[in-house]
PDB file of N, CA and C in Angstrom:
ATOM      1  N   MET A   1     174.286  75.838 147.467  1.00  0.00           N
ATOM      2  CA  MET A   1     173.543  77.030 147.758  1.00  0.00           C
ATOM      3  C   MET A   1     174.520  78.200 147.849  1.00  0.00           C
ATOM      4  N   PRO A   2     174.224  79.282 147.137  1.00  0.00           N
ATOM      5  CA  PRO A   2     175.141  80.431 147.169  1.00  0.00           C
ATOM      6  C   PRO A   2     175.036  81.162 148.500  1.00  0.00           C
ATOM      7  N   THR A   3     176.144  81.683 148.947  1.00  0.00           N
ATOM      8  CA  THR A   3     176.154  82.443 150.193  1.00  0.00           C
ATOM      9  C   THR A   3     175.838  83.899 149.901  1.00  0.00           C
ATOM     10  N   ARG A   4     175.252  84.527 150.839  1.00  0.00           N
ATOM     11  CA  ARG A   4     174.869  85.925 150.685  1.00  0.00           C
ATOM     12  C   ARG A   4     176.006  86.811 151.171  1.00  0.00           C
ATOM     13  N   LYS A   5     176.373  87.755 150.364  1.00  0.00           N
ATOM     14  CA  LYS A   5     177.437  88.677 150.734  1.00  0.00           C
ATOM     15  C   LYS A   5     176.852  89.874 151.458  1.00  0.00           C
ATOM     16  N   SER A   6     177.614  90.407 152.370  1.00  0.00           N
ATOM     17  CA  SER A   6     177.174  91.639 153.008  1.00  0.00           C
ATOM     18  C   SER A   6     177.478  92.797 152.077  1.00  0.00           C
ATOM     19  N   PRO A   7     176.648  93.844 152.102  1.00  0.00           N
ATOM     20  CA  PRO A   7     176.866  94.958 151.178  1.00  0.00           C
ATOM     21  C   PRO A   7     178.149  95.717 151.517  1.00  0.00           C
ATOM     22  N   THR A   8     178.767  96.222 150.517  1.00  0.00           N
ATOM     23  CA  THR A   8     179.976  97.010 150.732  1.00  0.00           C
ATOM     24  C   THR A   8     179.577  98.379 151.249  1.00  0.00           C
ATOM     25  N   SER A   9     180.538  99.133 151.706  1.00  0.00           N
ATOM     26  CA  SER A   9     180.234 100.440 152.276  1.00  0.00           C
ATOM     27  C   SER A   9     179.590 101.375 151.260  1.00  0.00           C
ATOM     28  N   ALA A  10     179.892 101.196 149.988  1.00  0.00           N
ATOM     29  CA  ALA A  10     179.292 102.048 148.961  1.00  0.00           C
ATOM     30  C   ALA A  10     177.824 101.691 148.757  1.00  0.00           C
ATOM     31  N   GLU A  11     177.473 100.431 149.017  1.00  0.00           N
ATOM     32  CA  GLU A  11     176.110  99.992 148.817  1.00  0.00           C
ATOM     33  C   GLU A  11     175.222 100.261 150.025  1.00  0.00           C
ATOM     34  N   LYS A  12     175.815 100.480 151.160  1.00  0.00           N
ATOM     35  CA  LYS A  12     175.037 100.715 152.380  1.00  0.00           C
ATOM     36  C   LYS A  12     174.358 102.065 152.314  1.00  0.00           C
ATOM     37  N   LYS A  13     173.146 102.096 152.839  1.00  0.00           N
ATOM     38  CA  LYS A  13     172.418 103.355 152.878  1.00  0.00           C
ATOM     39  C   LYS A  13     172.877 104.154 154.099  1.00  0.00           C
ATOM     40  N   PRO A  14     173.060 105.446 153.930  1.00  0.00           N
ATOM     41  CA  PRO A  14     173.448 106.253 155.092  1.00  0.00           C
ATOM     42  C   PRO A  14     172.283 106.367 156.077  1.00  0.00           C
ATOM     43  N   THR A  15     172.599 106.297 157.330  1.00  0.00           N
ATOM     44  CA  THR A  15     171.553 106.421 158.341  1.00  0.00           C
ATOM     45  C   THR A  15     171.430 107.873 158.756  1.00  0.00           C
ATOM     46  N   THR A  16     170.201 108.277 158.949  1.00  0.00           N
ATOM     47  CA  THR A  16     169.959 109.641 159.406  1.00  0.00           C
ATOM     48  C   THR A  16     169.211 109.568 160.722  1.00  0.00           C
ATOM     49  N   ARG A  17     169.576 110.416 161.602  1.00  0.00           N
ATOM     50  CA  ARG A  17     168.911 110.475 162.900  1.00  0.00           C
ATOM     51  C   ARG A  17     168.042 111.714 162.953  1.00  0.00           C
ATOM     52  N   LYS A  18     166.882 111.514 163.526  1.00  0.00           N
ATOM     53  CA  LYS A  18     165.974 112.638 163.670  1.00  0.00           C
ATOM     54  C   LYS A  18     166.330 113.419 164.928  1.00  0.00           C
ATOM     55  N   ALA A  19     166.181 114.714 164.837  1.00  0.00           N
ATOM     56  CA  ALA A  19     166.422 115.564 165.996  1.00  0.00           C
ATOM     57  C   ALA A  19     165.302 115.333 167.007  1.00  0.00           C
ATOM     58  N   PRO A  20     165.614 115.383 168.304  1.00  0.00           N
ATOM     59  CA  PRO A  20     164.549 115.198 169.300  1.00  0.00           C
ATOM     60  C   PRO A  20     163.500 116.295 169.167  1.00  0.00           C
ATOM     61  N   ALA A  21     162.276 115.914 169.435  1.00  0.00           N
ATOM     62  CA  ALA A  21     161.170 116.864 169.323  1.00  0.00           C
ATOM     63  C   ALA A  21     161.342 117.975 170.356  1.00  0.00           C
ATOM     64  N   ARG A  22     161.092 119.180 169.926  1.00  0.00           N
ATOM     65  CA  ARG A  22     161.206 120.311 170.843  1.00  0.00           C
ATOM     66  C   ARG A  22     159.874 120.557 171.512  1.00  0.00           C
ATOM     67  N   LYS A  23     159.939 120.977 172.753  1.00  0.00           N
ATOM     68  CA  LYS A  23     158.715 121.307 173.472  1.00  0.00           C
ATOM     69  C   LYS A  23     158.198 122.655 172.999  1.00  0.00           C
ATOM     70  N   THR A  24     156.919 122.710 172.816  1.00  0.00           N
ATOM     71  CA  THR A  24     156.323 123.989 172.457  1.00  0.00           C
ATOM     72  C   THR A  24     156.195 124.837 173.719  1.00  0.00           C
ATOM     73  N   ALA A  25     155.916 126.087 173.542  1.00  0.00           N
ATOM     74  CA  ALA A  25     155.772 126.986 174.693  1.00  0.00           C
ATOM     75  C   ALA A  25     154.609 126.547 175.571  1.00  0.00           C
ATOM     76  N   GLN A  26     153.547 126.057 174.943  1.00  0.00           N
ATOM     77  CA  GLN A  26     152.386 125.628 175.707  1.00  0.00           C
ATOM     78  C   GLN A  26     152.713 124.375 176.516  1.00  0.00           C
ATOM     79  N   ALA A  27     153.419 123.419 175.917  1.00  0.00           N
ATOM     80  CA  ALA A  27     153.791 122.198 176.630  1.00  0.00           C
ATOM     81  C   ALA A  27     154.737 122.521 177.780  1.00  0.00           C
ATOM     82  N   ALA A  28     155.636 123.467 177.581  1.00  0.00           N
ATOM     83  CA  ALA A  28     156.555 123.854 178.645  1.00  0.00           C
ATOM     84  C   ALA A  28     155.802 124.532 179.787  1.00  0.00           C
ATOM     85  N   ALA A  29     154.814 125.340 179.455  1.00  0.00           N
ATOM     86  CA  ALA A  29     154.022 126.014 180.488  1.00  0.00           C
ATOM     87  C   ALA A  29     153.200 125.010 181.281  1.00  0.00           C
ATOM     88  N   VAL A  30     152.658 124.009 180.607  1.00  0.00           N
ATOM     89  CA  VAL A  30     151.855 122.995 181.288  1.00  0.00           C
ATOM     90  C   VAL A  30     152.732 122.181 182.227  1.00  0.00           C
ATOM     91  N   SER A  31     153.921 121.757 181.752  1.00  0.00           N
ATOM     92  CA  SER A  31     154.795 120.967 182.611  1.00  0.00           C
ATOM     93  C   SER A  31     155.305 121.797 183.787  1.00  0.00           C
ATOM     94  N   ALA A  32     155.531 123.084 183.594  1.00  0.00           N
ATOM     95  CA  ALA A  32     155.960 123.946 184.694  1.00  0.00           C
ATOM     96  C   ALA A  32     154.835 124.116 185.706  1.00  0.00           C
ATOM     97  N   ALA A  33     153.604 124.229 185.218  1.00  0.00           N
ATOM     98  CA  ALA A  33     152.467 124.374 186.117  1.00  0.00           C
ATOM     99  C   ALA A  33     152.237 123.096 186.911  1.00  0.00           C
ATOM    100  N   ASP A  34     152.459 121.940 186.304  1.00  0.00           N
ATOM    101  CA  ASP A  34     152.290 120.672 187.003  1.00  0.00           C
ATOM    102  C   ASP A  34     153.278 120.535 188.155  1.00  0.00           C
ATOM    103  N   SER A  35     154.508 120.985 187.955  1.00  0.00           N
ATOM    104  CA  SER A  35     155.508 120.841 189.001  1.00  0.00           C
ATOM    105  C   SER A  35     155.260 121.812 190.156  1.00  0.00           C
ATOM    106  N   VAL A  36     154.555 122.893 189.908  1.00  0.00           N
ATOM    107  CA  VAL A  36     154.281 123.873 190.953  1.00  0.00           C
ATOM    108  C   VAL A  36     153.135 123.407 191.851  1.00  0.00           C
ATOM    109  N   VAL A  37     152.202 122.620 191.328  1.00  0.00           N
ATOM    110  CA  VAL A  37     150.989 122.278 192.035  1.00  0.00           C
ATOM    111  C   VAL A  37     151.129 120.965 192.818  1.00  0.00           C
ATOM    112  N   THR A  38     152.312 120.519 193.099  1.00  0.00           N
ATOM    113  CA  THR A  38     152.481 119.274 193.831  1.00  0.00           C
ATOM    114  C   THR A  38     152.086 119.458 195.284  1.00  0.00           C
ATOM    115  N   LYS A  39     151.386 118.453 195.813  1.00  0.00           N
ATOM    116  CA  LYS A  39     150.960 118.503 197.204  1.00  0.00           C
ATOM    117  C   LYS A  39     152.028 117.864 198.081  1.00  0.00           C
ATOM    118  N   PRO A  40     152.296 118.452 199.230  1.00  0.00           N
ATOM    119  CA  PRO A  40     153.282 117.838 200.120  1.00  0.00           C
ATOM    120  C   PRO A  40     152.727 116.538 200.706  1.00  0.00           C
ATOM    121  N   VAL A  41     153.580 115.544 200.825  1.00  0.00           N
ATOM    122  CA  VAL A  41     153.184 114.263 201.393  1.00  0.00           C
ATOM    123  C   VAL A  41     153.300 114.367 202.910  1.00  0.00           C
ATOM    124  N   PRO A  42     152.238 114.010 203.633  1.00  0.00           N
ATOM    125  CA  PRO A  42     152.310 114.103 205.098  1.00  0.00           C
ATOM    126  C   PRO A  42     153.317 113.100 205.659  1.00  0.00           C
ATOM    127  N   THR A  43     154.026 113.492 206.687  1.00  0.00           N
ATOM    128  CA  THR A  43     155.000 112.598 207.311  1.00  0.00           C
ATOM    129  C   THR A  43     154.296 111.605 208.221  1.00  0.00           C
ATOM    130  N   HIS A  44     155.019 110.577 208.581  1.00  0.00           N
ATOM    131  CA  HIS A  44     154.477 109.549 209.469  1.00  0.00           C
ATOM    132  C   HIS A  44     154.069 110.171 210.811  1.00  0.00           C
ATOM    133  N   GLU A  45     154.893 111.074 211.297  1.00  0.00           N
ATOM    134  CA  GLU A  45     154.615 111.712 212.588  1.00  0.00           C
ATOM    135  C   GLU A  45     153.352 112.572 212.529  1.00  0.00           C
ATOM    136  N   GLU A  46     153.166 113.306 211.440  1.00  0.00           N
ATOM    137  CA  GLU A  46     151.962 114.136 211.300  1.00  0.00           C
ATOM    138  C   GLU A  46     150.699 113.279 211.289  1.00  0.00           C
ATOM    139  N   VAL A  47     150.755 112.170 210.555  1.00  0.00           N
ATOM    140  CA  VAL A  47     149.601 111.276 210.496  1.00  0.00           C
ATOM    141  C   VAL A  47     149.333 110.670 211.870  1.00  0.00           C
ATOM    142  N   ALA A  48     150.396 110.271 212.568  1.00  0.00           N
ATOM    143  CA  ALA A  48     150.236 109.651 213.885  1.00  0.00           C
ATOM    144  C   ALA A  48     149.620 110.624 214.884  1.00  0.00           C
ATOM    145  N   LEU A  49     150.079 111.863 214.889  1.00  0.00           N
ATOM    146  CA  LEU A  49     149.528 112.849 215.822  1.00  0.00           C
ATOM    147  C   LEU A  49     148.047 113.112 215.563  1.00  0.00           C
ATOM    148  N   LEU A  50     147.677 113.226 214.293  1.00  0.00           N
ATOM    149  CA  LEU A  50     146.276 113.466 213.969  1.00  0.00           C
ATOM    150  C   LEU A  50     145.428 112.231 214.268  1.00  0.00           C
ATOM    151  N   ALA A  51     145.974 111.042 214.040  1.00  0.00           N
ATOM    152  CA  ALA A  51     145.237 109.813 214.336  1.00  0.00           C
ATOM    153  C   ALA A  51     144.965 109.687 215.833  1.00  0.00           C
ATOM    154  N   VAL A  52     145.946 110.058 216.654  1.00  0.00           N
ATOM    155  CA  VAL A  52     145.737 110.027 218.112  1.00  0.00           C
ATOM    156  C   VAL A  52     144.665 111.038 218.510  1.00  0.00           C
ATOM    157  N   GLN A  53     144.682 112.197 217.870  1.00  0.00           N
ATOM    158  CA  GLN A  53     143.665 113.211 218.158  1.00  0.00           C
ATOM    159  C   GLN A  53     142.275 112.683 217.808  1.00  0.00           C
ATOM    160  N   PHE A  54     142.134 112.040 216.636  1.00  0.00           N
ATOM    161  CA  PHE A  54     140.841 111.464 216.251  1.00  0.00           C
ATOM    162  C   PHE A  54     140.426 110.365 217.223  1.00  0.00           C
ATOM    163  N   TRP A  55     141.378 109.552 217.660  1.00  0.00           N
ATOM    164  CA  TRP A  55     141.107 108.459 218.593  1.00  0.00           C
ATOM    165  C   TRP A  55     140.608 109.012 219.931  1.00  0.00           C
ATOM    166  N   ASN A  56     141.261 110.091 220.406  1.00  0.00           N
ATOM    167  CA  ASN A  56     140.822 110.729 221.653  1.00  0.00           C
ATOM    168  C   ASN A  56     139.412 111.317 221.509  1.00  0.00           C
ATOM    169  N   GLU A  57     139.131 111.919 220.362  1.00  0.00           N
ATOM    170  CA  GLU A  57     137.810 112.501 220.134  1.00  0.00           C
ATOM    171  C   GLU A  57     136.715 111.433 220.104  1.00  0.00           C
ATOM    172  N   ARG A  58     137.067 110.224 219.669  1.00  0.00           N
ATOM    173  CA  ARG A  58     136.079 109.140 219.629  1.00  0.00           C
ATOM    174  C   ARG A  58     135.924 108.448 220.984  1.00  0.00           C
ATOM    175  N   GLY A  59     136.647 108.902 221.993  1.00  0.00           N
ATOM    176  CA  GLY A  59     136.503 108.328 223.325  1.00  0.00           C
ATOM    177  C   GLY A  59     137.426 107.162 223.600  1.00  0.00           C
ATOM    178  N   ARG A  60     138.498 107.049 222.872  1.00  0.00           N
ATOM    179  CA  ARG A  60     139.514 106.004 223.035  1.00  0.00           C
ATOM    180  C   ARG A  60     138.915 104.586 223.037  1.00  0.00           C
ATOM    181  N   PRO A  61     138.186 104.227 222.001  1.00  0.00           N
ATOM    182  CA  PRO A  61     137.582 102.892 221.975  1.00  0.00           C
ATOM    183  C   PRO A  61     138.620 101.808 221.699  1.00  0.00           C
ATOM    184  N   PHE A  62     138.306 100.567 222.069  1.00  0.00           N
ATOM    185  CA  PHE A  62     139.169  99.433 221.757  1.00  0.00           C
ATOM    186  C   PHE A  62     138.911  99.012 220.317  1.00  0.00           C
ATOM    187  N   GLY A  63     139.908  98.391 219.719  1.00  0.00           N
ATOM    188  CA  GLY A  63     139.733  97.870 218.357  1.00  0.00           C
ATOM    189  C   GLY A  63     140.247  98.813 217.291  1.00  0.00           C
ATOM    190  N   SER A  64     140.168  98.377 216.099  1.00  0.00           N
ATOM    191  CA  SER A  64     140.703  98.943 214.855  1.00  0.00           C
ATOM    192  C   SER A  64     141.224 100.378 214.904  1.00  0.00           C
ATOM    193  N   PRO A  65     142.518 100.531 215.159  1.00  0.00           N
ATOM    194  CA  PRO A  65     143.128 101.866 215.088  1.00  0.00           C
ATOM    195  C   PRO A  65     143.298 102.348 213.650  1.00  0.00           C
ATOM    196  N   GLU A  66     143.114 101.415 212.693  1.00  0.00           N
ATOM    197  CA  GLU A  66     143.269 101.788 211.282  1.00  0.00           C
ATOM    198  C   GLU A  66     142.244 102.833 210.855  1.00  0.00           C
ATOM    199  N   VAL A  67     141.090 102.817 211.489  1.00  0.00           N
ATOM    200  CA  VAL A  67     140.038 103.780 211.145  1.00  0.00           C
ATOM    201  C   VAL A  67     140.558 105.205 211.339  1.00  0.00           C
ATOM    202  N   ASP A  68     141.168 105.451 212.486  1.00  0.00           N
ATOM    203  CA  ASP A  68     141.698 106.791 212.778  1.00  0.00           C
ATOM    204  C   ASP A  68     142.898 107.108 211.893  1.00  0.00           C
ATOM    205  N   TRP A  69     143.725 106.108 211.620  1.00  0.00           N
ATOM    206  CA  TRP A  69     144.927 106.316 210.793  1.00  0.00           C
ATOM    207  C   TRP A  69     144.535 106.704 209.373  1.00  0.00           C
ATOM    208  N   TYR A  70     143.624 105.946 208.769  1.00  0.00           N
ATOM    209  CA  TYR A  70     143.208 106.250 207.399  1.00  0.00           C
ATOM    210  C   TYR A  70     142.482 107.593 207.313  1.00  0.00           C
ATOM    211  N   ARG A  71     141.703 107.905 208.313  1.00  0.00           N
ATOM    212  CA  ARG A  71     141.020 109.202 208.337  1.00  0.00           C
ATOM    213  C   ARG A  71     142.039 110.335 208.422  1.00  0.00           C
ATOM    214  N   ALA A  72     143.083 110.144 209.246  1.00  0.00           N
ATOM    215  CA  ALA A  72     144.126 111.167 209.379  1.00  0.00           C
ATOM    216  C   ALA A  72     144.884 111.340 208.050  1.00  0.00           C
ATOM    217  N   GLU A  73     145.207 110.228 207.387  1.00  0.00           N
ATOM    218  CA  GLU A  73     145.908 110.320 206.095  1.00  0.00           C
ATOM    219  C   GLU A  73     145.069 111.068 205.072  1.00  0.00           C
ATOM    220  N   GLU A  74     143.786 110.718 204.982  1.00  0.00           N
ATOM    221  CA  GLU A  74     142.907 111.393 204.025  1.00  0.00           C
ATOM    222  C   GLU A  74     142.770 112.869 204.322  1.00  0.00           C
ATOM    223  N   THR A  75     142.657 113.212 205.607  1.00  0.00           N
ATOM    224  CA  THR A  75     142.508 114.607 205.994  1.00  0.00           C
ATOM    225  C   THR A  75     143.747 115.419 205.626  1.00  0.00           C
ATOM    226  N   LEU A  76     144.931 114.863 205.884  1.00  0.00           N
ATOM    227  CA  LEU A  76     146.167 115.584 205.600  1.00  0.00           C
ATOM    228  C   LEU A  76     146.427 115.688 204.095  1.00  0.00           C
ATOM    229  N   GLN A  77     146.077 114.664 203.344  1.00  0.00           N
ATOM    230  CA  GLN A  77     146.297 114.710 201.891  1.00  0.00           C
ATOM    231  C   GLN A  77     145.323 115.666 201.216  1.00  0.00           C
ATOM    232  N   ALA A  78     144.144 115.819 201.764  1.00  0.00           N
ATOM    233  CA  ALA A  78     143.154 116.732 201.186  1.00  0.00           C
ATOM    234  C   ALA A  78     143.505 118.188 201.442  1.00  0.00           C
ATOM    235  N   ALA A  79     144.272 118.438 202.494  1.00  0.00           N
ATOM    236  CA  ALA A  79     144.607 119.818 202.868  1.00  0.00           C
ATOM    237  C   ALA A  79     145.621 120.437 201.942  1.00  0.00           C
TER     238      ALA A  79
END
């Protein structure tokens, strides 16, 4: 069985690289607008303080503190 030779440098095809796609003005404006509209993430302390406030308003009941915690997280994220 004959062996296959690798092509010589003269036989090799030159490789061409494509330039990276440029952002259009509209795409740049959209990405800039997206970065401006980010909502701040509430801290653990902010959520805890609001959850305690909700718990006090409900009359300090026993059981599931998660109800107040999740309500506080949703309230702060919506703001």
